[in-house]
Every structure is written in C-alpha cells, then in structure tokens.
C-alpha cells in the first residue's frame, strides 16, 4: 500500500442555490466529506493506492460514504462500523467568490470512537506514507488510536504526514488542540497547516517564531498554506514559495485537501519540493474551480495539463 490515512469520513450537504444565505436555502446536494476522506479520494485519483482507517455507523448515510469510497478505489477494509452512532454532518452555503459559511453537527460523531482494531497498526506499518490530522486527536478513543498509529508509522519508517486541520467546534479550546498536536510532533515528518494553525501548534502569536519552533522540533518538511498568496515550504534548510494557480473560483472549500493530495502524491514519487508545490497548487486550483470537495478532486492528467498551461504563461 502506498498510503494509509487515519481520520474523519463525513457527510456534506452543499447548497444548490448560489448567493442564498444558509438559513434560507431549501435544496442541497450530498457528497462525501471530511479532510481525511477527501485526501483519500484525491490521492487515489492521482494514482496512489490508498487505505483509510476510520469509523462509521451502520446507517444509510454511512453506507453511502463507504460505497462512494469503494467506487473510487479506496480500500475501506479498515473502516469500523458502530451501531447507534452517526457520521458528522456539514452544511455549506455557496456564495462565490469568498463566502462559504458552514454549519457542523459533530455531537458524539462516530469518527471520535475509532479504536485500534486488529490489523490497523499492521496496515499503518506496511504503508510508504501515513497521513492523519488534528481532528483525530479531539476526543477519546480516537486520540489514543491516532497516537498509536503515529508511533507505529514512525517506527516502521513510513513518511509521517500530519495536517493540523483545526476545527474549533471539535475542541474545548484552541490551547487544548495545540497541545494535542505538539505531543505528536516527535513522530511527524511533514506538517501541513495554514498560518493560524502553525501558530496554534507552536503556541505563539508570531508566524516567524512559530516556524522556527516547529523546524527545531524535528519536522523535516513544514508546509505553510498562505491562502490566496500561495504556499511556502521549509525543507532541508531551504525555503520554497509558489504563488497560486489562477482559476475562476466556484468554492474555496476543499482547497487544502486538494493541495495536500497533489503535494503528497508528488512527494511519494520522490519529486523535488518545487515540483511537489506545483502539483499541490494545481490540484487545489482545480478543486476550487468546482463545487464540492471529494467529487472535485482531479485526475493526474488534469493536474499535469493545468501545470503545463500555466507554467507556459509565467
């Protein structure tokens, strides 16, 4: 297996009524969501072999989510099913180009009940890359399962990737979230976050000092997402910056998951950091030009086509 991903599989409802405020929306379309699930789809579409470790219910919504992942080619053998619990739900307003408010329902979400089942750690240790995120640390028993998986991945020599993915509604306080991620830093090779998330993890209000602290912690690749300004990566003592690719924006939701999919796929191929950034930024651009997260994830040929076209114009 190329990649093992541990984390949330969610159910998303996107407004079908552009420019209508969320309280007034009457019609929605349903999609698979959750950053881990989105990345699983994104990496699979790019050509990686991916297994996801998560927990879902035994309800009809959970059936849809597992069926979608299976049709995409994601290995769902390690998805636990727990009766009486439901996946998290997210409703999203669509008001381009920059207003996409969301409402999350995550009370006793089934992904927080993930436990380390027989075979899970073997799957993690057998993958070339292990990916998880901060939401997996927000509650027990998923917190303990995540730490165990991080420990096993590091010991097995897998490249360990951590997406901060801070969701305020999942935590008692930002400080609690930052501490949970700091405890995981000894196991992390690649840390991905936007500027507020990196400062949260480093427990500082200054981005430069946050960057210095995180690099000193032993993280070998630090990815700083700068939104509409682009992306900056610190790796091997060098700093690499790439501005975003230009597209007409439909919705910015899912941009980070698209970026991570492209960037990490290229990293798996052993490409230089700059090329990884091109893959990540191109994938993110394609995602924001479409509605939804999972179904917006591009194929490799689409990423290469956009890279070729825009690099000619630079």
Protein backbone atom coordinates (compact mmCIF):
# COMPACT_ATOMS: atom_id res chain seq x y z
CA UNK A 1 0.00 0.00 0.00
CA UNK A 2 1.27 3.48 -0.87
CA UNK A 3 -0.72 5.46 1.71
CA UNK A 4 -2.63 4.72 4.91
CA UNK A 5 -4.90 7.55 6.05
CA UNK A 6 -6.49 7.71 9.51
CA UNK A 7 -9.28 10.18 10.11
CA UNK A 8 -12.74 11.53 9.56
CA UNK A 9 -15.22 10.45 6.92
CA UNK A 10 -18.09 12.96 6.88
CA UNK A 11 -21.38 13.64 5.13
CA UNK A 12 -21.57 17.01 3.35
CA UNK A 13 -24.60 18.94 2.11
CA UNK A 14 -23.83 21.77 -0.34
CA UNK A 15 -26.35 24.44 -1.22
CA UNK A 16 -27.73 24.22 -4.76
CA UNK A 17 -28.81 27.87 -4.53
CA UNK A 18 -25.81 30.18 -5.13
CA UNK A 19 -25.85 33.51 -3.30
CA UNK A 20 -28.68 32.43 -0.97
CA UNK A 21 -27.90 32.74 2.74
CA UNK A 22 -27.72 29.40 4.52
CA UNK A 23 -30.85 29.93 6.72
CA UNK A 24 -32.89 30.38 3.52
CA UNK A 25 -31.50 27.52 1.44
CA UNK A 26 -34.11 24.87 0.58
CA UNK A 27 -32.18 22.48 -1.67
CA UNK A 28 -28.84 20.75 -1.12
CA UNK A 29 -26.70 18.13 -2.86
CA UNK A 30 -24.97 15.46 -0.82
CA UNK A 31 -21.29 14.49 -1.04
CA UNK A 32 -18.64 12.56 0.82
CA UNK A 33 -16.64 14.91 3.03
CA UNK A 34 -14.07 15.03 5.81
CA UNK A 35 -10.48 16.04 5.16
CA UNK A 36 -9.09 12.52 5.51
CA UNK A 37 -11.70 11.05 3.18
CA UNK A 38 -11.20 13.86 0.68
CA UNK A 39 -7.46 13.23 0.63
CA UNK A 40 -8.04 9.51 0.23
CA UNK A 41 -10.10 10.19 -2.89
CA UNK A 42 -7.65 12.83 -4.13
CA UNK A 43 -4.60 10.60 -3.81
CA UNK A 44 -6.40 7.62 -5.35
CA UNK A 45 -7.49 9.66 -8.37
CA UNK A 46 -3.89 10.76 -8.86
CA UNK A 47 -2.78 7.13 -8.95
CA UNK A 48 -1.78 6.16 -5.39
CA UNK A 49 -3.00 3.01 -3.65
CA UNK A 50 -4.78 4.22 -0.51
CA UNK A 51 -6.30 2.60 2.57
CA UNK A 52 -8.44 4.56 5.03
CA UNK A 53 -8.78 3.82 8.76
CA UNK A 54 -11.89 5.33 10.28
CA UNK A 55 -15.22 4.66 11.97
CA UNK A 56 -18.75 4.99 10.59
CA UNK A 57 -22.21 3.97 11.72
CA UNK A 58 -24.47 1.25 10.37
CA UNK A 59 -26.95 3.82 8.99
CA UNK A 60 -27.83 4.66 5.38
CA UNK A 61 -25.61 7.76 5.30
CA UNK A 62 -22.61 5.69 6.36
CA UNK A 63 -23.48 3.13 3.66
CA UNK A 64 -23.36 5.89 1.04
CA UNK A 65 -19.96 7.06 2.29
CA UNK A 66 -18.40 3.59 2.20
CA UNK A 67 -19.91 2.87 -1.23
CA UNK A 68 -18.51 6.13 -2.59
CA UNK A 69 -15.01 5.35 -1.33
CA UNK A 70 -15.18 1.81 -2.72
CA UNK A 71 -16.22 3.09 -6.15
CA UNK A 72 -13.27 5.49 -6.10
CA UNK A 73 -10.90 2.58 -5.42
CA UNK A 74 -10.07 3.46 -1.80
CA UNK A 75 -9.50 0.39 0.40
CA UNK A 76 -12.17 0.53 3.16
CA UNK A 77 -11.34 -2.78 4.86
CA UNK A 78 -10.20 -0.88 7.98
CA UNK A 79 -13.37 1.23 8.34
CA UNK A 80 -15.09 0.18 11.56
CA UNK A 81 -18.91 0.18 11.72
CA UNK A 82 -20.51 1.16 15.05
CA UNK A 83 -24.26 0.78 15.55
CA UNK A 84 -26.11 3.68 17.15
CA UNK A 85 -23.70 6.42 16.04
CA UNK A 86 -23.71 8.73 13.03
CA UNK A 87 -21.06 10.39 10.85
CA UNK A 88 -20.52 14.12 11.24
CA UNK A 89 -22.67 16.37 9.05
CA UNK A 90 -21.66 19.64 7.39
CA UNK A 91 -23.98 22.10 5.61
CA UNK A 92 -22.35 24.68 3.34
CA UNK A 93 -23.60 27.95 1.83
CA UNK A 94 -22.25 28.72 -1.65
CA UNK A 95 -21.76 32.45 -2.25
CA UNK A 96 -18.75 32.90 -4.58
CA UNK A 97 -16.09 34.08 -4.62
CA UNK A 98 -15.31 34.19 -0.90
CA UNK A 99 -18.33 33.41 1.29
CA UNK A 100 -18.86 29.75 2.16
CA UNK A 101 -20.10 29.60 5.78
CA UNK A 102 -20.61 26.13 7.20
CA UNK A 103 -22.60 24.54 10.00
CA UNK A 104 -21.17 21.35 11.54
CA UNK A 105 -23.01 18.69 13.52
CA UNK A 106 -20.44 16.66 15.46
CA UNK A 107 -22.08 15.67 18.75
CA UNK A 108 -20.77 12.16 19.51
CA UNK A 109 -19.59 11.86 15.90
CA UNK A 110 -18.70 8.26 15.15
CA UNK A 111 -15.18 9.10 13.92
CA UNK A 112 -14.24 10.06 17.51
CA UNK A 113 -15.00 6.46 18.55
CA UNK A 114 -12.27 4.96 16.39
CA UNK A 115 -10.33 2.30 18.29
CA UNK A 116 -7.19 0.44 17.35
CA UNK A 117 -8.59 -2.77 15.87
CA UNK A 118 -6.57 -5.88 14.96
CA UNK A 119 -4.77 -5.25 11.71
CA UNK A 120 -4.90 -1.45 11.86
CA UNK A 121 -1.33 -0.98 13.05
CA UNK A 122 -0.09 -3.58 10.57
CA UNK A 123 -1.76 -1.61 7.77
CA UNK A 124 -0.11 1.59 9.02
CA UNK A 125 3.31 -0.05 9.28
CA UNK A 126 3.01 -1.55 5.80
CA UNK A 127 2.37 1.77 4.03
CA UNK A 128 5.02 4.01 2.48
CA UNK A 129 3.23 7.09 3.83
CA UNK A 130 0.92 7.57 6.82
CA UNK A 131 -1.41 10.59 6.97
CA UNK A 132 -3.61 11.83 9.81
CA UNK A 133 -4.84 15.16 11.17
CA UNK A 134 -5.70 17.17 14.25
CA UNK A 135 -9.40 16.32 14.27
CA UNK A 136 -8.48 12.71 15.03
CA UNK A 137 -6.98 13.90 18.34
CA UNK A 138 -10.04 15.79 19.56
CA UNK A 139 -11.56 13.02 21.69
CA UNK A 140 -11.03 9.54 23.07
CA UNK A 141 -10.70 6.79 21.98
CA UNK A 142 -9.71 8.16 18.54
CA UNK A 143 -6.97 10.24 20.21
CA UNK A 144 -5.23 7.18 21.61
CA UNK A 145 -5.70 5.26 18.35
CA UNK A 146 -4.10 8.12 16.45
CA UNK A 147 -1.08 8.35 18.75
CA UNK A 148 -0.57 4.59 18.48
CA UNK A 149 -0.73 4.77 14.71
CA UNK A 150 1.73 7.68 14.62
CA UNK A 151 4.13 5.71 16.79
CA UNK A 152 3.86 2.59 14.61
CA UNK A 153 4.27 4.53 11.35
CA UNK A 154 7.41 6.27 12.61
CA UNK A 155 8.91 3.01 13.87
CA UNK A 156 8.18 1.32 10.53
CA UNK A 157 9.98 4.04 8.57
CA UNK A 158 6.92 5.41 6.80
CA UNK A 159 6.82 9.10 5.88
CA UNK A 160 4.50 10.53 8.52
CA UNK A 161 2.26 13.43 7.45
CA UNK A 162 0.10 15.50 9.79
CA UNK A 163 -2.48 18.05 8.64
CA UNK A 164 -3.36 20.36 11.56
CA UNK A 165 -6.98 20.71 10.33
CA UNK A 166 -8.12 22.80 13.33
CA UNK A 167 -11.92 22.75 13.74
CA UNK A 168 -12.95 24.88 16.70
CA UNK A 169 -16.24 23.05 17.25
CA UNK A 170 -14.33 19.83 18.00
CA UNK A 171 -12.28 21.27 20.87
CA UNK A 172 -12.85 22.80 24.30
CA UNK A 173 -10.24 25.44 23.47
CA UNK A 174 -7.59 26.24 20.84
CA UNK A 175 -4.92 25.70 23.51
CA UNK A 176 -6.09 22.11 24.01
CA UNK A 177 -5.84 21.49 20.27
CA UNK A 178 -2.36 22.97 20.06
CA UNK A 179 -1.11 20.83 22.92
CA UNK A 180 -2.51 17.65 21.37
CA UNK A 181 -0.61 18.31 18.15
CA UNK A 182 2.61 19.29 19.95
CA UNK A 183 2.59 15.90 21.68
CA UNK A 184 2.58 14.30 18.22
CA UNK A 185 5.48 16.34 16.80
CA UNK A 186 8.21 13.76 17.58
CA UNK A 187 6.54 11.37 15.14
CA UNK A 188 5.85 13.85 12.31
CA UNK A 189 7.97 14.25 9.17
CA UNK A 190 5.65 16.56 7.19
CA UNK A 191 3.47 19.13 8.97
CA UNK A 192 0.80 20.97 6.96
CA UNK A 193 -1.15 23.97 8.20
CA UNK A 194 -2.27 27.49 7.43
CA UNK A 195 -0.66 30.39 9.27
CA UNK A 196 -3.08 30.48 12.26
CA UNK A 197 -2.77 26.70 12.63
CA UNK A 198 1.02 26.77 12.70
CA UNK A 199 0.96 29.50 15.36
CA UNK A 200 -1.60 27.46 17.30
CA UNK A 201 0.65 24.39 17.34
CA UNK A 202 3.73 26.41 18.28
CA UNK A 203 1.81 28.32 20.99
CA UNK A 204 2.92 31.71 19.69
CA UNK A 205 1.30 34.72 18.05
CA UNK A 206 4.17 35.33 15.65
CA UNK A 207 4.50 33.32 12.42
CA UNK A 208 8.28 33.62 12.19
CA UNK A 209 8.82 32.33 15.72
CA UNK A 210 6.24 29.59 15.12
CA UNK A 211 8.11 28.49 12.01
CA UNK A 212 11.42 28.46 13.88
CA UNK A 213 9.97 26.45 16.78
CA UNK A 214 8.36 23.87 14.51
CA UNK A 215 11.50 23.40 12.44
CA UNK A 216 13.52 22.99 15.64
CA UNK A 217 11.10 20.30 16.83
CA UNK A 218 12.41 17.92 14.19
CA UNK A 219 9.73 18.34 11.49
CA UNK A 220 11.69 17.88 8.26
CA UNK A 221 9.09 19.39 5.89
CA UNK A 222 6.95 22.30 7.09
CA UNK A 223 4.16 23.40 4.74
CA UNK A 224 2.66 26.84 5.34
CA UNK A 225 -0.55 27.46 3.38
CA UNK A 226 -0.95 31.17 2.67
CA UNK A 227 -4.39 31.16 1.04
CA UNK A 228 -4.67 33.45 -1.96
CA UNK A 229 -0.97 34.35 -1.61
CA UNK A 230 0.25 30.81 -2.32
CA UNK A 231 2.22 28.21 -0.37
CA UNK A 232 5.61 28.21 1.36
CA UNK A 233 7.59 25.08 2.27
CA UNK A 234 10.60 24.81 4.59
CA UNK A 235 12.65 21.68 3.91
CA UNK A 236 16.33 20.74 4.09
CA UNK A 237 17.34 24.17 5.31
CA UNK A 238 15.77 25.84 2.28
CA UNK A 239 12.59 27.86 1.77
CA UNK A 240 10.47 27.45 -1.37
CA UNK A 241 7.50 29.65 -2.27
CA UNK A 242 4.96 29.27 -5.06
CA UNK A 243 2.05 31.59 -5.84
CA UNK A 244 -1.36 30.02 -6.53
CA UNK A 245 -2.54 28.92 -9.95
CA UNK A 246 -5.17 31.19 -11.48
CA UNK A 247 -8.73 29.90 -11.98
CA UNK A 248 -12.29 31.16 -11.64
CA UNK A 249 -13.34 30.26 -8.10
CA UNK A 250 -16.57 28.32 -7.53
CA UNK A 251 -15.94 27.48 -3.87
CA UNK A 252 -12.77 27.55 -1.78
CA UNK A 253 -13.96 24.64 0.39
CA UNK A 254 -11.63 21.70 -0.18
CA UNK A 255 -8.69 23.71 -1.47
CA UNK A 256 -6.46 22.48 1.36
CA UNK A 257 -7.37 18.85 0.79
CA UNK A 258 -6.75 19.23 -2.93
CA UNK A 259 -3.38 20.84 -2.28
CA UNK A 260 -2.37 18.11 0.17
CA UNK A 261 -3.36 15.39 -2.31
CA UNK A 262 -1.27 16.86 -5.12
CA UNK A 263 1.68 17.79 -2.94
CA UNK A 264 1.85 14.43 -1.17
CA UNK A 265 1.39 12.43 -4.36
CA UNK A 266 4.41 14.20 -5.85
CA UNK A 267 6.35 13.68 -2.62
CA UNK A 268 5.61 9.96 -2.88
CA UNK A 269 7.16 10.00 -6.35
CA UNK A 270 10.36 11.50 -4.95
CA UNK A 271 9.98 14.77 -6.85
CA UNK A 272 11.77 17.97 -5.73
CA UNK A 273 9.87 20.22 -3.33
CA UNK A 274 9.20 22.84 -6.01
CA UNK A 275 7.58 20.21 -8.22
CA UNK A 276 5.56 18.98 -5.26
CA UNK A 277 4.31 22.54 -4.78
CA UNK A 278 3.32 22.80 -8.44
CA UNK A 279 1.33 19.56 -8.16
CA UNK A 280 -0.31 20.76 -4.94
CA UNK A 281 -1.20 24.24 -6.15
CA UNK A 282 -2.52 22.93 -9.46
CA UNK A 283 -4.71 20.33 -7.72
CA UNK A 284 -6.02 22.99 -5.32
CA UNK A 285 -6.84 25.31 -8.20
CA UNK A 286 -8.88 22.62 -9.94
CA UNK A 287 -10.79 21.85 -6.74
CA UNK A 288 -11.75 25.49 -6.12
CA UNK A 289 -13.00 25.80 -9.70
CA UNK A 290 -15.61 23.11 -8.93
CA UNK A 291 -18.38 22.51 -6.41
CA UNK A 292 -17.75 20.06 -3.53
CA UNK A 293 -14.56 18.53 -2.15
CA UNK A 294 -14.43 14.83 -2.89
CA UNK A 295 -16.03 14.88 -6.34
CA UNK A 296 -13.93 17.92 -7.28
CA UNK A 297 -10.62 16.09 -6.78
CA UNK A 298 -8.72 15.99 -10.09
CA UNK A 299 -7.11 13.18 -12.05
CA UNK A 300 -3.38 13.25 -12.69
CA UNK A 301 -3.81 14.17 -16.35
CA UNK A 302 -5.86 17.23 -15.33
CA UNK A 303 -3.17 18.37 -12.88
CA UNK A 304 -0.45 17.93 -15.49
CA UNK A 305 -2.47 19.80 -18.11
CA UNK A 306 -3.01 22.80 -15.82
CA UNK A 307 0.63 22.80 -14.76
CA UNK A 308 1.76 22.74 -18.38
CA UNK A 309 -0.62 25.51 -19.45
CA UNK A 310 0.08 27.94 -16.63
CA UNK A 311 3.84 27.35 -16.50
CA UNK A 312 4.00 28.31 -20.18
CA UNK A 313 2.26 31.59 -19.34
CA UNK A 314 4.53 32.53 -16.43
